[in-house]
Full PDB file with SEQRES, HELIX, SHEET, SSBOND, CRYST1, ORIGX, SCALE, CONECT and MASTER records, all heavy atoms in Angstrom:
SEQRES   1 A   30  GLY LEU LEU THR PHE ILE PRO LEU TRP VAL THR TRP LEU          
SEQRES   2 A   30  VAL PHE LYS PHE VAL LEU GLY LEU LEU ALA GLY ILE GLY          
SEQRES   3 A   30  ALA PRO LEU VAL                                              
HELIX    1 AA1 LEU A    2  GLY A   26  1                                  25    
CRYST1    1.000    1.000    1.000  90.00  90.00  90.00 P 1           1          
ORIGX1      1.000000  0.000000  0.000000        0.00000                         
ORIGX2      0.000000  1.000000  0.000000        0.00000                         
ORIGX3      0.000000  0.000000  1.000000        0.00000                         
SCALE1      1.000000  0.000000  0.000000        0.00000                         
SCALE2      0.000000  1.000000  0.000000        0.00000                         
SCALE3      0.000000  0.000000  1.000000        0.00000                         
ATOM      1  N   GLY A   1    -101.159   8.032 -43.311  1.00  0.00           N  
ATOM      2  CA  GLY A   1    -102.440   8.666 -43.203  1.00  0.00           C  
ATOM      3  C   GLY A   1    -103.302   8.133 -41.942  1.00  0.00           C  
ATOM      4  O   GLY A   1    -104.004   8.981 -41.313  1.00  0.00           O  
ATOM      5  N   LEU A   2    -103.129   6.920 -41.664  1.00  0.00           N  
ATOM      6  CA  LEU A   2    -103.852   6.382 -40.502  1.00  0.00           C  
ATOM      7  C   LEU A   2    -103.333   6.933 -39.181  1.00  0.00           C  
ATOM      8  O   LEU A   2    -104.105   7.359 -38.359  1.00  0.00           O  
ATOM      9  CB  LEU A   2    -103.754   4.837 -40.499  1.00  0.00           C  
ATOM     10  CG  LEU A   2    -104.436   4.113 -39.333  1.00  0.00           C  
ATOM     11  CD1 LEU A   2    -105.936   4.393 -39.350  1.00  0.00           C  
ATOM     12  CD2 LEU A   2    -104.178   2.645 -39.332  1.00  0.00           C  
ATOM     13  N   LEU A   3    -102.033   7.009 -39.125  1.00  0.00           N  
ATOM     14  CA  LEU A   3    -101.440   7.621 -37.893  1.00  0.00           C  
ATOM     15  C   LEU A   3    -101.674   9.132 -37.719  1.00  0.00           C  
ATOM     16  O   LEU A   3    -101.760   9.616 -36.660  1.00  0.00           O  
ATOM     17  CB  LEU A   3     -99.899   7.406 -37.852  1.00  0.00           C  
ATOM     18  CG  LEU A   3     -99.456   5.933 -37.824  1.00  0.00           C  
ATOM     19  CD1 LEU A   3     -97.912   5.751 -37.886  1.00  0.00           C  
ATOM     20  CD2 LEU A   3     -99.963   5.266 -36.547  1.00  0.00           C  
ATOM     21  N   THR A   4    -101.921   9.715 -38.848  1.00  0.00           N  
ATOM     22  CA  THR A   4    -102.267  11.192 -38.807  1.00  0.00           C  
ATOM     23  C   THR A   4    -103.795  11.368 -38.436  1.00  0.00           C  
ATOM     24  O   THR A   4    -104.060  12.337 -37.736  1.00  0.00           O  
ATOM     25  CB  THR A   4    -101.974  11.836 -40.143  1.00  0.00           C  
ATOM     26  OG1 THR A   4    -100.609  11.688 -40.557  1.00  0.00           O  
ATOM     27  CG2 THR A   4    -102.323  13.336 -40.126  1.00  0.00           C  
ATOM     28  N   PHE A   5    -104.556  10.462 -38.923  1.00  0.00           N  
ATOM     29  CA  PHE A   5    -105.980  10.490 -38.636  1.00  0.00           C  
ATOM     30  C   PHE A   5    -106.395  10.207 -37.314  1.00  0.00           C  
ATOM     31  O   PHE A   5    -107.283  10.795 -36.687  1.00  0.00           O  
ATOM     32  CB  PHE A   5    -106.738   9.586 -39.701  1.00  0.00           C  
ATOM     33  CG  PHE A   5    -108.191   9.553 -39.357  1.00  0.00           C  
ATOM     34  CD1 PHE A   5    -109.041  10.557 -39.711  1.00  0.00           C  
ATOM     35  CD2 PHE A   5    -108.721   8.361 -38.892  1.00  0.00           C  
ATOM     36  CE1 PHE A   5    -110.396  10.462 -39.487  1.00  0.00           C  
ATOM     37  CE2 PHE A   5    -110.122   8.334 -38.587  1.00  0.00           C  
ATOM     38  CZ  PHE A   5    -110.948   9.306 -38.944  1.00  0.00           C  
ATOM     39  N   ILE A   6    -105.760   9.155 -36.651  1.00  0.00           N  
ATOM     40  CA  ILE A   6    -106.182   8.656 -35.352  1.00  0.00           C  
ATOM     41  C   ILE A   6    -106.218   9.763 -34.275  1.00  0.00           C  
ATOM     42  O   ILE A   6    -107.143   9.949 -33.552  1.00  0.00           O  
ATOM     43  CB  ILE A   6    -105.341   7.447 -34.894  1.00  0.00           C  
ATOM     44  CG1 ILE A   6    -105.753   6.298 -35.744  1.00  0.00           C  
ATOM     45  CG2 ILE A   6    -105.514   7.154 -33.387  1.00  0.00           C  
ATOM     46  CD1 ILE A   6    -104.929   4.971 -35.428  1.00  0.00           C  
ATOM     47  N   PRO A   7    -105.107  10.580 -34.082  1.00  0.00           N  
ATOM     48  CA  PRO A   7    -105.214  11.658 -33.087  1.00  0.00           C  
ATOM     49  C   PRO A   7    -106.377  12.637 -33.393  1.00  0.00           C  
ATOM     50  O   PRO A   7    -106.961  13.138 -32.372  1.00  0.00           O  
ATOM     51  CB  PRO A   7    -103.823  12.370 -33.214  1.00  0.00           C  
ATOM     52  CG  PRO A   7    -102.925  11.348 -33.875  1.00  0.00           C  
ATOM     53  CD  PRO A   7    -103.804  10.581 -34.754  1.00  0.00           C  
ATOM     54  N   LEU A   8    -106.634  12.957 -34.634  1.00  0.00           N  
ATOM     55  CA  LEU A   8    -107.711  13.862 -34.942  1.00  0.00           C  
ATOM     56  C   LEU A   8    -109.078  13.197 -34.553  1.00  0.00           C  
ATOM     57  O   LEU A   8    -109.938  13.835 -34.000  1.00  0.00           O  
ATOM     58  CB  LEU A   8    -107.743  14.244 -36.428  1.00  0.00           C  
ATOM     59  CG  LEU A   8    -106.477  14.974 -36.926  1.00  0.00           C  
ATOM     60  CD1 LEU A   8    -106.511  15.223 -38.383  1.00  0.00           C  
ATOM     61  CD2 LEU A   8    -106.398  16.333 -36.210  1.00  0.00           C  
ATOM     62  N   TRP A   9    -109.148  11.941 -34.804  1.00  0.00           N  
ATOM     63  CA  TRP A   9    -110.383  11.191 -34.564  1.00  0.00           C  
ATOM     64  C   TRP A   9    -110.585  11.075 -33.066  1.00  0.00           C  
ATOM     65  O   TRP A   9    -111.774  11.347 -32.596  1.00  0.00           O  
ATOM     66  CB  TRP A   9    -110.278   9.843 -35.176  1.00  0.00           C  
ATOM     67  CG  TRP A   9    -111.541   8.938 -34.958  1.00  0.00           C  
ATOM     68  CD1 TRP A   9    -112.785   9.290 -35.407  1.00  0.00           C  
ATOM     69  CD2 TRP A   9    -111.601   7.802 -34.241  1.00  0.00           C  
ATOM     70  NE1 TRP A   9    -113.689   8.233 -34.975  1.00  0.00           N  
ATOM     71  CE2 TRP A   9    -112.995   7.322 -34.307  1.00  0.00           C  
ATOM     72  CE3 TRP A   9    -110.765   6.969 -33.575  1.00  0.00           C  
ATOM     73  CZ2 TRP A   9    -113.444   6.061 -33.669  1.00  0.00           C  
ATOM     74  CZ3 TRP A   9    -111.114   5.820 -32.963  1.00  0.00           C  
ATOM     75  CH2 TRP A   9    -112.450   5.395 -33.045  1.00  0.00           C  
ATOM     76  N   VAL A  10    -109.619  10.796 -32.258  1.00  0.00           N  
ATOM     77  CA  VAL A  10    -109.727  10.685 -30.830  1.00  0.00           C  
ATOM     78  C   VAL A  10    -110.112  12.076 -30.203  1.00  0.00           C  
ATOM     79  O   VAL A  10    -110.977  12.206 -29.331  1.00  0.00           O  
ATOM     80  CB  VAL A  10    -108.491  10.201 -30.162  1.00  0.00           C  
ATOM     81  CG1 VAL A  10    -108.564  10.300 -28.665  1.00  0.00           C  
ATOM     82  CG2 VAL A  10    -108.224   8.694 -30.656  1.00  0.00           C  
ATOM     83  N   THR A  11    -109.458  13.096 -30.807  1.00  0.00           N  
ATOM     84  CA  THR A  11    -109.770  14.563 -30.259  1.00  0.00           C  
ATOM     85  C   THR A  11    -111.193  14.879 -30.579  1.00  0.00           C  
ATOM     86  O   THR A  11    -111.961  15.368 -29.776  1.00  0.00           O  
ATOM     87  CB  THR A  11    -108.857  15.525 -30.969  1.00  0.00           C  
ATOM     88  OG1 THR A  11    -107.465  15.212 -30.637  1.00  0.00           O  
ATOM     89  CG2 THR A  11    -109.104  16.899 -30.436  1.00  0.00           C  
ATOM     90  N   TRP A  12    -111.699  14.511 -31.828  1.00  0.00           N  
ATOM     91  CA  TRP A  12    -113.076  14.768 -32.173  1.00  0.00           C  
ATOM     92  C   TRP A  12    -114.049  13.989 -31.279  1.00  0.00           C  
ATOM     93  O   TRP A  12    -115.082  14.569 -30.913  1.00  0.00           O  
ATOM     94  CB  TRP A  12    -113.268  14.374 -33.607  1.00  0.00           C  
ATOM     95  CG  TRP A  12    -114.753  14.272 -34.036  1.00  0.00           C  
ATOM     96  CD1 TRP A  12    -115.385  13.162 -34.384  1.00  0.00           C  
ATOM     97  CD2 TRP A  12    -115.723  15.356 -34.031  1.00  0.00           C  
ATOM     98  NE1 TRP A  12    -116.690  13.386 -34.636  1.00  0.00           N  
ATOM     99  CE2 TRP A  12    -116.889  14.724 -34.407  1.00  0.00           C  
ATOM    100  CE3 TRP A  12    -115.668  16.703 -33.777  1.00  0.00           C  
ATOM    101  CZ2 TRP A  12    -118.095  15.483 -34.527  1.00  0.00           C  
ATOM    102  CZ3 TRP A  12    -116.791  17.404 -33.878  1.00  0.00           C  
ATOM    103  CH2 TRP A  12    -118.016  16.795 -34.319  1.00  0.00           C  
ATOM    104  N   LEU A  13    -113.709  12.742 -31.083  1.00  0.00           N  
ATOM    105  CA  LEU A  13    -114.687  11.917 -30.096  1.00  0.00           C  
ATOM    106  C   LEU A  13    -114.738  12.602 -28.767  1.00  0.00           C  
ATOM    107  O   LEU A  13    -115.924  12.716 -28.205  1.00  0.00           O  
ATOM    108  CB  LEU A  13    -114.091  10.446 -29.969  1.00  0.00           C  
ATOM    109  CG  LEU A  13    -114.226   9.584 -31.170  1.00  0.00           C  
ATOM    110  CD1 LEU A  13    -113.632   8.230 -30.856  1.00  0.00           C  
ATOM    111  CD2 LEU A  13    -115.662   9.495 -31.627  1.00  0.00           C  
ATOM    112  N   VAL A  14    -113.661  13.043 -28.119  1.00  0.00           N  
ATOM    113  CA  VAL A  14    -113.658  13.610 -26.862  1.00  0.00           C  
ATOM    114  C   VAL A  14    -114.451  14.994 -26.900  1.00  0.00           C  
ATOM    115  O   VAL A  14    -115.360  15.219 -26.093  1.00  0.00           O  
ATOM    116  CB  VAL A  14    -112.277  13.965 -26.301  1.00  0.00           C  
ATOM    117  CG1 VAL A  14    -112.307  14.765 -24.996  1.00  0.00           C  
ATOM    118  CG2 VAL A  14    -111.493  12.553 -26.143  1.00  0.00           C  
ATOM    119  N   PHE A  15    -114.170  15.806 -27.929  1.00  0.00           N  
ATOM    120  CA  PHE A  15    -114.926  17.097 -28.034  1.00  0.00           C  
ATOM    121  C   PHE A  15    -116.368  16.753 -28.304  1.00  0.00           C  
ATOM    122  O   PHE A  15    -117.225  17.538 -27.835  1.00  0.00           O  
ATOM    123  CB  PHE A  15    -114.258  17.947 -29.189  1.00  0.00           C  
ATOM    124  CG  PHE A  15    -113.134  18.855 -28.564  1.00  0.00           C  
ATOM    125  CD1 PHE A  15    -111.772  18.334 -28.515  1.00  0.00           C  
ATOM    126  CD2 PHE A  15    -113.385  20.101 -28.048  1.00  0.00           C  
ATOM    127  CE1 PHE A  15    -110.864  19.202 -28.069  1.00  0.00           C  
ATOM    128  CE2 PHE A  15    -112.431  20.893 -27.517  1.00  0.00           C  
ATOM    129  CZ  PHE A  15    -111.187  20.419 -27.530  1.00  0.00           C  
ATOM    130  N   LYS A  16    -116.637  15.877 -29.166  1.00  0.00           N  
ATOM    131  CA  LYS A  16    -118.027  15.533 -29.471  1.00  0.00           C  
ATOM    132  C   LYS A  16    -118.794  15.182 -28.240  1.00  0.00           C  
ATOM    133  O   LYS A  16    -119.959  15.563 -28.052  1.00  0.00           O  
ATOM    134  CB  LYS A  16    -118.141  14.396 -30.541  1.00  0.00           C  
ATOM    135  CG  LYS A  16    -119.518  14.089 -30.993  1.00  0.00           C  
ATOM    136  CD  LYS A  16    -119.441  12.949 -32.056  1.00  0.00           C  
ATOM    137  CE  LYS A  16    -120.881  12.621 -32.466  1.00  0.00           C  
ATOM    138  NZ  LYS A  16    -120.976  11.412 -33.397  1.00  0.00           N  
ATOM    139  N   PHE A  17    -118.157  14.410 -27.421  1.00  0.00           N  
ATOM    140  CA  PHE A  17    -118.856  13.944 -26.148  1.00  0.00           C  
ATOM    141  C   PHE A  17    -119.149  15.159 -25.212  1.00  0.00           C  
ATOM    142  O   PHE A  17    -120.145  15.336 -24.737  1.00  0.00           O  
ATOM    143  CB  PHE A  17    -117.993  12.900 -25.463  1.00  0.00           C  
ATOM    144  CG  PHE A  17    -118.430  12.513 -24.037  1.00  0.00           C  
ATOM    145  CD1 PHE A  17    -119.576  11.666 -23.954  1.00  0.00           C  
ATOM    146  CD2 PHE A  17    -117.862  13.133 -22.984  1.00  0.00           C  
ATOM    147  CE1 PHE A  17    -120.014  11.352 -22.649  1.00  0.00           C  
ATOM    148  CE2 PHE A  17    -118.364  12.801 -21.696  1.00  0.00           C  
ATOM    149  CZ  PHE A  17    -119.477  11.916 -21.565  1.00  0.00           C  
ATOM    150  N   VAL A  18    -118.100  15.988 -24.993  1.00  0.00           N  
ATOM    151  CA  VAL A  18    -118.265  17.149 -24.189  1.00  0.00           C  
ATOM    152  C   VAL A  18    -119.212  18.112 -24.744  1.00  0.00           C  
ATOM    153  O   VAL A  18    -120.124  18.578 -23.991  1.00  0.00           O  
ATOM    154  CB  VAL A  18    -116.848  17.797 -23.950  1.00  0.00           C  
ATOM    155  CG1 VAL A  18    -117.002  19.076 -23.094  1.00  0.00           C  
ATOM    156  CG2 VAL A  18    -115.923  16.813 -23.248  1.00  0.00           C  
ATOM    157  N   LEU A  19    -119.075  18.509 -25.988  1.00  0.00           N  
ATOM    158  CA  LEU A  19    -119.968  19.413 -26.605  1.00  0.00           C  
ATOM    159  C   LEU A  19    -121.426  18.879 -26.634  1.00  0.00           C  
ATOM    160  O   LEU A  19    -122.355  19.623 -26.461  1.00  0.00           O  
ATOM    161  CB  LEU A  19    -119.492  19.788 -28.012  1.00  0.00           C  
ATOM    162  CG  LEU A  19    -118.184  20.516 -28.131  1.00  0.00           C  
ATOM    163  CD1 LEU A  19    -117.888  20.757 -29.559  1.00  0.00           C  
ATOM    164  CD2 LEU A  19    -118.208  21.861 -27.367  1.00  0.00           C  
ATOM    165  N   GLY A  20    -121.582  17.610 -26.932  1.00  0.00           N  
ATOM    166  CA  GLY A  20    -122.890  17.051 -26.899  1.00  0.00           C  
ATOM    167  C   GLY A  20    -123.543  17.108 -25.529  1.00  0.00           C  
ATOM    168  O   GLY A  20    -124.744  17.338 -25.408  1.00  0.00           O  
ATOM    169  N   LEU A  21    -122.716  16.901 -24.519  1.00  0.00           N  
ATOM    170  CA  LEU A  21    -123.162  16.888 -23.118  1.00  0.00           C  
ATOM    171  C   LEU A  21    -123.684  18.348 -22.721  1.00  0.00           C  
ATOM    172  O   LEU A  21    -124.767  18.550 -22.120  1.00  0.00           O  
ATOM    173  CB  LEU A  21    -122.145  16.496 -22.132  1.00  0.00           C  
ATOM    174  CG  LEU A  21    -122.493  16.356 -20.669  1.00  0.00           C  
ATOM    175  CD1 LEU A  21    -123.511  15.228 -20.439  1.00  0.00           C  
ATOM    176  CD2 LEU A  21    -121.181  16.049 -19.805  1.00  0.00           C  
ATOM    177  N   LEU A  22    -122.878  19.352 -23.173  1.00  0.00           N  
ATOM    178  CA  LEU A  22    -123.214  20.717 -22.852  1.00  0.00           C  
ATOM    179  C   LEU A  22    -124.481  21.145 -23.632  1.00  0.00           C  
ATOM    180  O   LEU A  22    -125.340  21.807 -23.117  1.00  0.00           O  
ATOM    181  CB  LEU A  22    -122.030  21.661 -23.207  1.00  0.00           C  
ATOM    182  CG  LEU A  22    -120.810  21.467 -22.346  1.00  0.00           C  
ATOM    183  CD1 LEU A  22    -119.626  22.353 -22.831  1.00  0.00           C  
ATOM    184  CD2 LEU A  22    -121.091  21.789 -20.868  1.00  0.00           C  
ATOM    185  N   ALA A  23    -124.516  20.700 -24.943  1.00  0.00           N  
ATOM    186  CA  ALA A  23    -125.647  21.124 -25.814  1.00  0.00           C  
ATOM    187  C   ALA A  23    -126.940  20.446 -25.216  1.00  0.00           C  
ATOM    188  O   ALA A  23    -128.024  21.052 -25.343  1.00  0.00           O  
ATOM    189  CB  ALA A  23    -125.422  20.781 -27.224  1.00  0.00           C  
ATOM    190  N   GLY A  24    -126.805  19.274 -24.664  1.00  0.00           N  
ATOM    191  CA  GLY A  24    -127.974  18.538 -24.160  1.00  0.00           C  
ATOM    192  C   GLY A  24    -128.626  19.266 -22.976  1.00  0.00           C  
ATOM    193  O   GLY A  24    -129.748  19.160 -22.710  1.00  0.00           O  
ATOM    194  N   ILE A  25    -127.750  19.997 -22.284  1.00  0.00           N  
ATOM    195  CA  ILE A  25    -128.276  20.838 -21.121  1.00  0.00           C  
ATOM    196  C   ILE A  25    -129.189  21.941 -21.555  1.00  0.00           C  
ATOM    197  O   ILE A  25    -130.168  22.171 -20.968  1.00  0.00           O  
ATOM    198  CB  ILE A  25    -127.160  21.305 -20.281  1.00  0.00           C  
ATOM    199  CG1 ILE A  25    -126.309  20.142 -19.718  1.00  0.00           C  
ATOM    200  CG2 ILE A  25    -127.668  22.249 -19.104  1.00  0.00           C  
ATOM    201  CD1 ILE A  25    -125.088  20.602 -18.954  1.00  0.00           C  
ATOM    202  N   GLY A  26    -128.756  22.584 -22.642  1.00  0.00           N  
ATOM    203  CA  GLY A  26    -129.560  23.754 -23.158  1.00  0.00           C  
ATOM    204  C   GLY A  26    -130.677  23.426 -24.176  1.00  0.00           C  
ATOM    205  O   GLY A  26    -131.524  24.220 -24.489  1.00  0.00           O  
ATOM    206  N   ALA A  27    -130.704  22.126 -24.596  1.00  0.00           N  
ATOM    207  CA  ALA A  27    -131.623  21.690 -25.618  1.00  0.00           C  
ATOM    208  C   ALA A  27    -133.088  21.927 -25.166  1.00  0.00           C  
ATOM    209  O   ALA A  27    -133.918  22.368 -26.042  1.00  0.00           O  
ATOM    210  CB  ALA A  27    -131.378  20.252 -26.048  1.00  0.00           C  
ATOM    211  N   PRO A  28    -133.503  21.484 -23.932  1.00  0.00           N  
ATOM    212  CA  PRO A  28    -134.882  21.699 -23.528  1.00  0.00           C  
ATOM    213  C   PRO A  28    -135.300  23.172 -23.570  1.00  0.00           C  
ATOM    214  O   PRO A  28    -136.444  23.451 -23.980  1.00  0.00           O  
ATOM    215  CB  PRO A  28    -134.938  21.147 -22.126  1.00  0.00           C  
ATOM    216  CG  PRO A  28    -133.783  20.250 -22.009  1.00  0.00           C  
ATOM    217  CD  PRO A  28    -132.702  20.787 -22.914  1.00  0.00           C  
ATOM    218  N   LEU A  29    -134.420  24.096 -23.267  1.00  0.00           N  
ATOM    219  CA  LEU A  29    -134.760  25.512 -23.256  1.00  0.00           C  
ATOM    220  C   LEU A  29    -134.949  26.013 -24.741  1.00  0.00           C  
ATOM    221  O   LEU A  29    -135.930  26.742 -25.063  1.00  0.00           O  
ATOM    222  CB  LEU A  29    -133.595  26.413 -22.668  1.00  0.00           C  
ATOM    223  CG  LEU A  29    -133.833  27.883 -22.693  1.00  0.00           C  
ATOM    224  CD1 LEU A  29    -135.187  28.226 -21.969  1.00  0.00           C  
ATOM    225  CD2 LEU A  29    -132.647  28.593 -22.033  1.00  0.00           C  
ATOM    226  N   VAL A  30    -134.106  25.562 -25.703  1.00  0.00           N  
ATOM    227  CA  VAL A  30    -134.226  25.895 -27.055  1.00  0.00           C  
ATOM    228  C   VAL A  30    -135.616  25.292 -27.633  1.00  0.00           C  
ATOM    229  O   VAL A  30    -136.317  25.966 -28.414  1.00  0.00           O  
ATOM    230  CB  VAL A  30    -133.074  25.353 -27.906  1.00  0.00           C  
ATOM    231  CG1 VAL A  30    -133.245  25.630 -29.422  1.00  0.00           C  
ATOM    232  CG2 VAL A  30    -131.756  26.048 -27.407  1.00  0.00           C  
TER     233      VAL A  30                                                      
MASTER        0    0    0    1    0    0    0    6  232    1    0    3          
END                                                                             
């Protein structure tokens, strides 16, 4: 279970960082 979870967790961290960065650009307009 740990070996299955770690790739998903790392992928989520990377996407969370990228998506958060992109959302932060449009946040002032919203």
